[in-house]
Protein backbone atom coordinates (compact mmCIF):
# COMPACT_ATOMS: atom_id res chain seq x y z
CA MET A 1 43.08 6.31 48.24
CA LYS A 2 42.01 2.82 48.82
CA ASN A 3 38.43 3.98 49.48
CA THR A 4 38.41 6.06 46.29
CA LEU A 5 39.75 3.08 44.22
CA ALA A 6 37.18 0.80 45.73
CA PHE A 7 34.33 3.28 44.89
CA LEU A 8 35.55 3.70 41.41
CA MET A 9 35.69 -0.10 40.94
CA PHE A 10 32.14 -0.31 42.29
CA VAL A 11 30.98 2.29 39.78
CA LEU A 12 32.70 0.48 36.96
CA ILE A 13 31.21 -2.83 37.79
CA LEU A 14 27.80 -1.30 38.16
CA SER A 15 28.08 0.33 34.82
CA ILE A 16 29.17 -2.92 33.14
CA CYS A 17 26.23 -4.77 34.66
CA SER A 18 23.87 -2.15 33.60
CA CYS A 19 25.10 -2.32 30.04
CA ASN A 20 24.76 -6.04 30.01
CA SER A 21 21.33 -5.80 31.42
CA ASP A 22 20.40 -3.27 28.56
CA LYS A 23 21.71 -5.71 26.02
CA ARG A 24 19.81 -8.62 27.55
CA ALA A 25 16.73 -6.50 27.39
CA GLY A 26 17.30 -5.88 23.70
CA ASN A 27 18.12 -2.26 23.79
CA GLN A 28 20.29 -1.20 20.82
CA LYS A 29 21.23 1.72 18.75
CA ILE A 30 20.06 2.13 15.17
CA THR A 31 22.11 4.41 12.92
CA LEU A 32 20.41 5.64 9.75
CA THR A 33 22.35 7.32 7.03
CA ASN A 34 20.93 8.99 4.03
CA THR A 35 23.34 8.22 1.24
CA THR A 36 21.87 10.82 -1.18
CA ASN A 37 21.98 14.49 -1.78
CA ILE A 38 18.23 14.84 -1.54
CA GLU A 39 16.03 15.51 1.54
CA LEU A 40 13.92 12.53 2.41
CA ASP A 41 10.34 12.97 3.87
CA ASN A 42 8.50 10.08 5.51
CA LYS A 43 11.15 7.65 4.31
CA ALA A 44 10.01 4.06 4.98
CA ILE A 45 12.47 2.12 7.08
CA SER A 46 11.98 -1.65 7.28
CA ILE A 47 14.28 -3.61 9.58
CA LYS A 48 14.21 -7.46 9.52
CA ARG A 49 13.86 -9.33 12.69
CA SER A 50 17.14 -11.16 11.85
CA GLU A 51 19.02 -7.85 11.88
CA ILE A 52 18.23 -7.16 15.49
CA THR A 53 20.61 -9.37 17.50
CA GLN A 54 19.47 -8.50 20.98
CA LEU A 55 15.78 -9.53 21.04
CA PRO A 56 13.85 -9.36 24.44
CA ALA A 57 11.99 -12.39 25.72
CA GLY A 58 8.25 -12.39 25.62
CA GLU A 59 5.97 -10.00 23.78
CA LYS A 60 7.34 -6.54 23.88
CA SER A 61 6.66 -3.26 21.98
CA PRO A 62 9.43 -1.18 20.27
CA LEU A 63 10.13 2.24 21.67
CA LEU A 64 12.30 4.37 19.33
CA ILE A 65 13.86 7.47 20.91
CA THR A 66 15.77 10.08 18.87
CA GLU A 67 18.89 11.94 20.11
CA SER A 68 16.76 14.85 21.06
CA GLY A 69 14.35 12.78 23.09
CA ASP A 70 11.45 12.48 20.59
CA THR A 71 9.56 9.26 20.12
CA ILE A 72 9.26 7.84 16.59
CA PRO A 73 6.00 5.90 16.01
CA ALA A 74 6.81 2.37 14.99
CA GLN A 75 5.10 -0.97 14.60
CA LEU A 76 6.01 -4.73 14.30
CA ASN A 77 4.47 -6.65 11.38
CA ASP A 78 4.20 -10.42 10.76
CA VAL A 79 4.56 -10.29 6.99
CA ASP A 80 4.94 -14.06 6.29
CA GLY A 81 2.11 -15.14 8.54
CA ASP A 82 4.03 -17.45 10.90
CA ARG A 83 2.57 -15.57 13.98
CA GLN A 84 5.98 -14.11 14.74
CA TRP A 85 6.82 -10.56 13.76
CA ASP A 86 9.48 -10.21 11.05
CA GLU A 87 9.51 -6.50 10.39
CA LEU A 88 10.14 -3.43 12.52
CA PHE A 89 8.75 -0.57 10.46
CA PHE A 90 8.78 3.25 10.79
CA VAL A 91 9.03 6.32 8.75
CA THR A 92 11.41 9.21 9.30
CA ASN A 93 12.81 12.47 7.80
CA LEU A 94 16.43 12.81 6.82
CA THR A 95 18.27 15.73 5.31
CA ALA A 96 20.90 15.13 2.59
CA LYS A 97 23.75 13.07 3.70
CA GLN A 98 22.42 13.07 7.30
CA SER A 99 23.19 10.39 9.77
CA VAL A 100 20.97 9.92 12.91
CA ILE A 101 21.14 7.63 15.87
CA ILE A 102 17.92 6.16 17.28
CA GLN A 103 17.66 4.33 20.48
CA LEU A 104 15.68 1.10 20.20
CA ASN A 105 14.12 0.17 23.56
CA TRP A 106 11.49 -2.58 24.40
CA VAL A 107 8.60 -1.99 26.68
CA ASP A 108 5.81 -4.22 28.08
CA ALA A 109 2.81 -1.99 27.29
CA ALA A 110 1.55 -1.48 23.71
CA LEU A 111 2.12 2.07 22.68
CA ASN A 112 -0.76 4.23 21.38
CA PHE A 113 0.21 6.39 18.37
CA THR A 114 -1.97 8.54 16.19
CA LYS A 115 -3.32 6.30 13.50
CA ARG A 116 -1.93 7.45 10.04
CA THR A 117 -2.90 4.38 8.09
CA ASN A 118 -5.95 2.08 8.14
CA VAL A 119 -7.76 -0.72 6.54
CA ARG A 120 -11.54 -0.79 6.52
CA PHE A 121 -13.24 -4.07 5.62
CA GLY A 122 -16.74 -5.48 6.35
CA VAL A 123 -18.69 -8.44 5.15
CA ARG A 124 -22.44 -8.95 4.79
CA PRO A 125 -22.65 -12.75 4.80
CA VAL A 126 -26.27 -13.25 3.53
CA LEU A 127 -29.04 -10.95 2.24
CA ASP A 128 -30.80 -10.55 5.65
CA SER A 129 -27.61 -9.90 7.59
CA LYS A 130 -25.83 -6.78 8.64
CA VAL A 131 -22.17 -5.86 7.94
CA SER A 132 -19.65 -7.01 10.38
CA PRO A 133 -15.95 -6.06 10.44
CA ALA A 134 -13.63 -8.80 9.23
CA ASP A 135 -9.93 -9.37 8.82
CA SER A 136 -10.25 -11.81 5.86
CA ALA A 137 -12.74 -13.30 3.46
CA THR A 138 -12.81 -15.60 0.49
CA PHE A 139 -14.91 -14.63 -2.62
CA TYR A 140 -16.26 -17.36 -4.82
CA PRO A 141 -17.82 -17.18 -8.35
CA ASP A 142 -21.35 -17.71 -7.15
CA GLN A 143 -21.22 -14.53 -5.04
CA LEU A 144 -21.16 -11.95 -7.84
CA PRO A 145 -23.55 -9.07 -6.87
CA GLY A 146 -25.40 -9.42 -10.07
CA VAL A 147 -26.13 -13.18 -9.23
CA ILE A 148 -26.95 -12.91 -5.53
CA GLY A 149 -28.75 -9.63 -5.75
CA TYR A 150 -26.86 -7.63 -3.12
CA GLN A 151 -23.28 -6.38 -2.33
CA HIS A 152 -21.34 -8.71 -0.24
CA PHE A 153 -18.71 -6.26 0.95
CA GLN A 154 -18.64 -2.88 2.64
CA THR A 155 -17.44 -0.35 0.00
CA ASP A 156 -17.55 -3.18 -2.55
CA GLY A 157 -14.27 -4.41 -0.95
CA PRO A 158 -11.45 -3.25 1.27
CA THR A 159 -10.60 0.40 1.66
CA TRP A 160 -7.08 1.43 2.65
CA GLU A 161 -5.80 4.86 3.40
CA ASN A 162 -3.19 7.02 5.04
CA ASP A 163 -3.15 10.79 6.04
CA LYS A 164 -3.26 11.93 2.35
CA VAL A 165 -5.44 9.62 0.22
CA GLY A 166 -7.50 6.43 0.24
CA PHE A 167 -8.11 3.57 -2.20
CA ARG A 168 -10.42 0.76 -2.40
CA LEU A 169 -10.52 -2.54 -4.46
CA TYR A 170 -13.70 -4.06 -5.82
CA LEU A 171 -13.31 -7.49 -4.29
CA ASP A 172 -16.65 -8.44 -5.89
CA GLY A 173 -15.03 -10.04 -8.91
CA ARG A 174 -14.09 -6.71 -10.71
CA ASN A 175 -10.68 -6.21 -9.02
CA SER A 176 -10.54 -2.61 -10.11
CA VAL A 177 -8.82 0.02 -7.76
CA ASP A 178 -10.77 3.25 -7.05
CA VAL A 179 -9.76 6.41 -5.27
CA PHE A 180 -11.15 7.99 -2.13
CA GLY A 181 -10.22 11.68 -2.30
CA LYS A 182 -9.42 12.94 1.21
CA LYS A 183 -9.66 16.44 2.49
CA VAL A 184 -8.50 15.59 5.97
CA ALA A 185 -5.61 13.85 7.68
CA TYR A 186 -7.56 11.70 9.95
CA MET A 187 -8.85 8.24 9.04
CA THR A 188 -12.35 8.08 7.40
CA PRO A 189 -15.27 6.66 9.53
CA GLN A 190 -15.57 3.02 9.93
CA ASN A 191 -19.24 3.07 8.78
CA VAL A 192 -18.56 4.36 5.28
CA GLY A 193 -20.49 2.13 2.95
CA ILE A 194 -23.08 1.13 5.51
CA ASN A 195 -26.48 2.62 5.83
CA ALA A 196 -28.58 3.29 8.91
CA ALA A 197 -29.98 -0.22 8.74
CA GLY A 198 -26.42 -1.68 8.96
CA VAL A 199 -26.25 -3.05 5.45
CA THR A 200 -24.01 -2.30 2.46
CA GLU A 201 -24.89 0.82 0.48
CA ALA A 202 -22.91 2.97 -2.02
CA ASN A 203 -23.19 6.19 0.08
CA TYR A 204 -19.68 7.38 -0.40
CA SER A 205 -20.08 9.15 -3.79
CA ALA A 206 -21.57 12.29 -2.15
CA MET A 207 -19.15 14.88 -0.67
CA GLN A 208 -18.51 14.26 2.98
CA GLU A 209 -16.43 16.17 5.55
CA TRP A 210 -13.50 13.79 4.90
CA GLY A 211 -13.89 13.71 1.12
CA THR A 212 -15.60 11.45 -1.48
CA ASP A 213 -15.18 8.65 -4.05
CA ILE A 214 -13.59 10.45 -6.97
CA LEU A 215 -12.65 8.03 -9.75
CA ALA A 216 -14.78 6.84 -12.74
CA VAL A 217 -13.48 3.34 -13.16
CA GLY A 218 -15.94 1.75 -15.66
CA ASN A 219 -14.47 -1.41 -17.29
CA SER A 220 -11.01 -0.46 -16.62
CA VAL A 221 -9.00 -1.83 -13.69
CA GLY A 222 -8.79 1.63 -12.17
CA ILE A 223 -5.49 3.04 -10.98
CA GLY A 224 -2.98 0.20 -10.23
CA GLY A 225 -5.19 -2.79 -10.94
CA ILE A 226 -3.72 -5.65 -12.83
CA SER A 227 -4.40 -8.07 -15.61
CA PHE A 228 -2.40 -10.05 -18.24
CA MET A 229 -1.52 -9.68 -21.84
CA ILE A 230 -1.27 -13.30 -23.22
CA GLY A 231 0.54 -12.87 -26.55
CA ASP A 232 -1.24 -10.03 -28.11
CA SER A 233 -4.53 -10.63 -26.33
CA LEU A 234 -5.70 -8.90 -23.16
CA ALA A 235 -7.11 -11.18 -20.36
CA ARG A 236 -8.86 -9.45 -17.50
CA LEU A 237 -8.25 -10.65 -13.96
CA GLY A 238 -11.95 -11.16 -12.94
CA VAL A 239 -15.00 -9.84 -14.65
CA THR A 240 -17.10 -6.64 -15.24
CA GLU A 241 -20.13 -5.52 -13.34
CA LYS A 242 -22.46 -7.06 -16.02
CA ASP A 243 -20.92 -10.51 -16.07
CA SER A 244 -22.57 -13.41 -14.39
CA ILE A 245 -19.72 -15.95 -14.33
CA ASN A 246 -16.34 -15.22 -12.74
CA ASN A 247 -13.03 -16.48 -14.24
CA VAL A 248 -11.37 -16.91 -10.76
CA ASP A 249 -12.07 -19.98 -8.81
CA SER A 250 -11.54 -18.12 -5.49
CA THR A 251 -10.21 -14.78 -4.26
CA HIS A 252 -8.88 -14.64 -0.72
CA PHE A 253 -8.35 -11.38 0.94
CA GLN A 254 -6.39 -10.94 4.28
CA ILE A 255 -5.37 -7.96 6.44
CA VAL A 256 -1.78 -8.57 7.27
CA ALA A 257 -1.14 -5.44 9.30
CA ASN A 258 -3.42 -2.58 10.35
CA GLY A 259 -1.10 -0.49 12.39
CA PRO A 260 -0.59 3.33 12.98
CA GLU A 261 2.34 3.50 10.45
CA LYS A 262 1.66 0.83 7.89
CA ALA A 263 -1.27 -1.11 6.57
CA ILE A 264 -0.60 -4.31 4.56
CA MET A 265 -3.18 -6.55 2.69
CA LYS A 266 -2.85 -9.72 0.59
CA PHE A 267 -5.07 -10.61 -2.31
CA THR A 268 -4.68 -14.19 -3.42
CA TYR A 269 -6.34 -15.29 -6.73
CA ASN A 270 -6.49 -19.14 -7.04
CA GLY A 271 -7.50 -20.69 -10.32
CA TRP A 272 -7.58 -17.63 -12.61
CA ARG A 273 -8.63 -19.23 -15.89
CA PRO A 274 -8.33 -17.04 -18.91
CA MET A 275 -7.89 -18.63 -22.32
CA ASN A 276 -8.07 -22.13 -20.91
CA ARG A 277 -5.12 -21.53 -18.56
CA ASP A 278 -4.78 -21.81 -14.87
CA TYR A 279 -2.88 -19.13 -13.05
CA PHE A 280 -2.06 -18.23 -9.40
CA VAL A 281 -1.66 -14.50 -8.62
CA GLN A 282 -1.00 -12.81 -5.32
CA THR A 283 -0.58 -9.15 -4.61
CA THR A 284 0.62 -7.57 -1.46
CA THR A 285 -0.66 -4.04 -1.10
CA SER A 286 0.89 -1.55 1.38
CA ILE A 287 0.49 2.03 2.33
CA TRP A 288 2.36 4.22 4.85
CA PRO A 289 2.12 7.91 5.89
CA GLY A 290 2.95 10.98 3.82
CA MET A 291 2.41 9.71 0.30
CA TYR A 292 -0.37 10.11 -2.34
CA ALA A 293 0.21 6.56 -3.27
CA PHE A 294 0.12 2.84 -2.46
CA ASN A 295 2.71 0.11 -3.16
CA ASN A 296 1.81 -3.18 -4.82
CA GLN A 297 3.92 -6.37 -5.09
CA VAL A 298 2.79 -8.96 -7.52
CA ILE A 299 3.85 -12.76 -7.66
CA CYS A 300 2.52 -15.08 -10.37
CA LYS A 301 2.76 -18.86 -10.76
CA ASN A 302 2.02 -21.35 -13.65
CA LEU A 303 3.26 -18.89 -16.33
CA LYS A 304 3.81 -20.25 -19.75
CA GLY A 305 6.30 -17.58 -20.90
CA ASP A 306 4.15 -15.49 -23.26
CA GLU A 307 2.51 -13.45 -20.46
CA THR A 308 3.04 -9.76 -19.75
CA LEU A 309 1.74 -8.10 -16.58
CA VAL A 310 -0.36 -5.03 -17.36
CA VAL A 311 -1.00 -2.28 -14.76
CA GLY A 312 -3.92 0.03 -15.34
CA LEU A 313 -4.19 3.83 -15.51
CA VAL A 314 -7.83 4.59 -16.28
CA ASN A 315 -8.47 7.29 -18.95
CA SER A 316 -12.27 7.37 -19.21
CA ASN A 317 -12.43 11.11 -18.23
CA THR A 318 -9.61 12.47 -20.18
CA ASP A 319 -8.69 12.88 -23.83
CA HIS A 320 -5.14 13.66 -23.11
CA PRO A 321 -2.37 11.22 -24.00
CA VAL A 322 -0.42 9.59 -21.30
CA THR A 323 2.99 11.06 -20.51
CA GLU A 324 6.00 8.74 -19.92
CA ILE A 325 9.00 9.90 -17.87
CA ASN A 326 12.30 8.12 -17.33
CA ILE A 327 12.96 9.53 -13.93
CA ASN A 328 16.07 7.72 -12.59
CA ASP A 329 17.86 4.40 -12.86
CA LYS A 330 15.10 2.52 -11.03
CA TRP A 331 11.73 4.01 -12.03
CA VAL A 332 9.61 4.93 -15.04
CA ALA A 333 6.44 6.95 -14.64
CA LEU A 334 3.24 7.01 -16.69
CA PHE A 335 0.96 9.92 -15.77
CA THR A 336 -2.13 11.83 -16.76
CA HIS A 337 -3.47 15.15 -15.42
CA ASP A 338 -6.98 16.51 -16.13
CA LYS A 339 -10.40 17.26 -14.70
CA GLN A 340 -10.87 13.51 -14.53
CA ALA A 341 -12.51 13.02 -11.19
CA VAL A 342 -16.11 11.83 -11.32
CA ASP A 343 -18.22 13.95 -13.68
CA LYS A 344 -14.99 15.92 -14.50
CA GLN A 345 -15.60 18.26 -11.41
CA TRP A 346 -11.98 18.45 -10.14
CA TRP A 347 -8.40 18.23 -11.28
CA LEU A 348 -6.88 14.85 -10.61
CA GLY A 349 -3.36 13.59 -11.39
CA LEU A 350 -2.96 9.92 -11.84
CA ALA A 351 0.36 8.07 -12.21
CA LEU A 352 1.98 4.73 -12.21
CA LEU A 353 5.58 4.41 -11.00
CA LEU A 354 6.94 1.25 -12.69
CA PRO A 355 10.28 -0.60 -12.19
CA LYS A 356 12.63 0.25 -15.08
CA ASP A 357 14.19 -3.29 -15.07
CA ALA A 358 10.83 -4.79 -15.89
CA TYR A 359 9.25 -2.01 -17.97
CA LEU A 360 8.03 -2.95 -21.55
CA GLY A 361 6.29 0.25 -22.55
CA TYR A 362 2.61 0.92 -22.50
CA ILE A 363 -0.52 0.53 -24.69
CA GLU A 364 -4.00 2.06 -24.82
CA THR A 365 -7.07 -0.18 -24.80
CA PRO A 366 -10.18 0.26 -26.91
CA LYS A 367 -13.06 2.33 -25.52
CA THR A 368 -15.24 -0.74 -25.13
CA GLY A 369 -14.84 -4.30 -24.03
CA SER A 370 -14.15 -6.22 -20.74
CA LEU A 371 -10.83 -4.32 -20.29
CA SER A 372 -11.23 -0.83 -21.76
CA THR A 373 -10.83 2.94 -21.32
CA THR A 374 -7.37 2.69 -19.86
CA PHE A 375 -3.67 3.02 -20.43
CA LEU A 376 -1.84 -0.13 -19.49
CA GLY A 377 1.81 -0.26 -18.31
CA LYS A 378 3.48 -3.40 -19.43
CA LEU A 379 5.79 -5.24 -17.10
CA LYS A 380 7.95 -8.40 -17.53
CA ILE A 381 7.05 -11.15 -15.21
CA GLU A 382 8.57 -14.56 -14.32
CA ASN A 383 7.33 -17.42 -12.24
CA ASN A 384 7.60 -16.77 -8.40
CA LYS A 385 9.53 -13.49 -9.02
CA ALA A 386 8.07 -10.38 -7.34
CA VAL A 387 7.25 -7.30 -9.35
CA ASN A 388 6.91 -4.06 -7.36
CA TYR A 389 5.27 -0.67 -8.28
CA PHE A 390 3.41 2.26 -6.97
CA ALA A 391 0.03 3.88 -7.89
CA ILE A 392 -0.33 7.64 -7.26
CA ALA A 393 -3.37 9.95 -7.08
CA GLY A 394 -3.26 13.70 -6.45
CA TRP A 395 -6.56 15.44 -6.08
CA GLU A 396 -6.93 19.18 -5.96
CA LEU A 397 -9.10 19.14 -2.78
CA SER A 398 -6.38 17.28 -0.95
CA ASP A 399 -3.78 19.87 -2.11
CA GLU A 400 -4.86 22.72 -4.39
CA ARG A 401 -1.36 22.63 -5.93
CA PHE A 402 -2.49 19.42 -7.78
CA LYS A 403 -4.49 21.66 -10.00
CA ASP A 404 -1.18 22.33 -11.81
CA SER A 405 0.08 19.58 -14.07
CA THR A 406 3.71 20.72 -13.64
CA TYR A 407 3.30 20.54 -9.84
CA PHE A 408 1.94 16.95 -10.14
CA LYS A 409 4.59 15.81 -12.58
CA ASN A 410 7.28 17.26 -10.16
CA TYR A 411 5.61 15.47 -7.28
CA VAL A 412 5.65 12.16 -9.19
CA SER A 413 9.45 12.66 -10.00
CA ASN A 414 10.40 13.65 -6.52
CA PHE A 415 8.39 10.66 -5.18
CA ALA A 416 10.40 8.41 -7.48
CA ASP A 417 13.64 9.87 -6.28
CA GLN A 418 12.54 9.32 -2.69
CA GLN A 419 11.85 5.73 -3.32
CA ALA A 420 15.14 5.17 -5.18
CA ALA A 421 17.14 6.82 -2.36
CA GLU A 422 19.04 4.35 -0.22
CA VAL A 423 19.27 4.71 3.50
CA THR A 424 21.90 2.47 5.24
CA VAL A 425 20.83 0.89 8.52
CA THR A 426 23.38 -0.10 11.12
CA ILE A 427 22.44 -1.63 14.39
CA GLU A 428 24.66 -2.14 17.39
């Protein structure tokens, strides 16, 4: 009996020590609960560093294990730029009202997951140089392509994508957002926008194995690009291709995260000077797997009080009116559906998902001018208060069901419900 009791005591002490060791190593359980009656696909889960009470010492990588033993791809993001990660991010699927437990472990080696998001960015510093990959760059007014005689950036600016769709922003002063239609789930080649000589070239408009550039942007701000309405006047953030003087003192671009599950970029516009004013505008652009969309967060400073943020939905290749849908308590959608890809070759659905608490309706611009051929969703803005929205693009060669306007409309509505759905996160 004494031997048996001694053995049981030893096992108990060993178990306690083991548990304490696990806690010191930062191993914890994450419980996710879908509070809604809808099924969630690729639901984005963001956990703040402060919510994880047992952090390991040194640089470690998160290893998430489900109850069935599967690994969930995850990444750590330094969102605020202090060189310390502050977000644990992953996506997951949850059935209606489902609760799941995920084991959070920490390992020394970096884990290799299939890359489902990506940012591609390259800079050609001077005329005689070749394109080199970069994580950041600052664009100045004297670097307009029409002034210097060549394109400074690969694909005219950064390209971001996931397994469904790609986008790019004209960092060359225009600040419009274009669409890369994708036919494949893998990431597009790193040399898109570079010719055999290693210099910038617009070689992405011809159909490739992965897809092609599909949006006719013109003098709009594309899909999800921004500007202001000051009083009753439109003020473009930046310039058009034909302009020779920019109205932004400097535009700084930075890749914040370029991981397998989330890509994050920041665009900072210092000294935007429309109508003798001086604004600071910063957008944080994110994309994660499974959606035909990207997310944008906008923060403005030096507002006078008569400004309205306007978000673009280009209409250069459609004569149809925009459709407005009040989807749920959080989101309003504006969408168009037509053969509105380049040269009207393919069906393309475009949509903006705008926050209901900031939504002020929409307008249509004239067909000509520095900000034209577009519908503009209007959003209330305040100094230093973030405004958050999504831009969506569904191309028929990505999913042939996007040929049908009802299918695209239902996709947008379901996507809005997915974003509105709350998942509670408990860590112990």
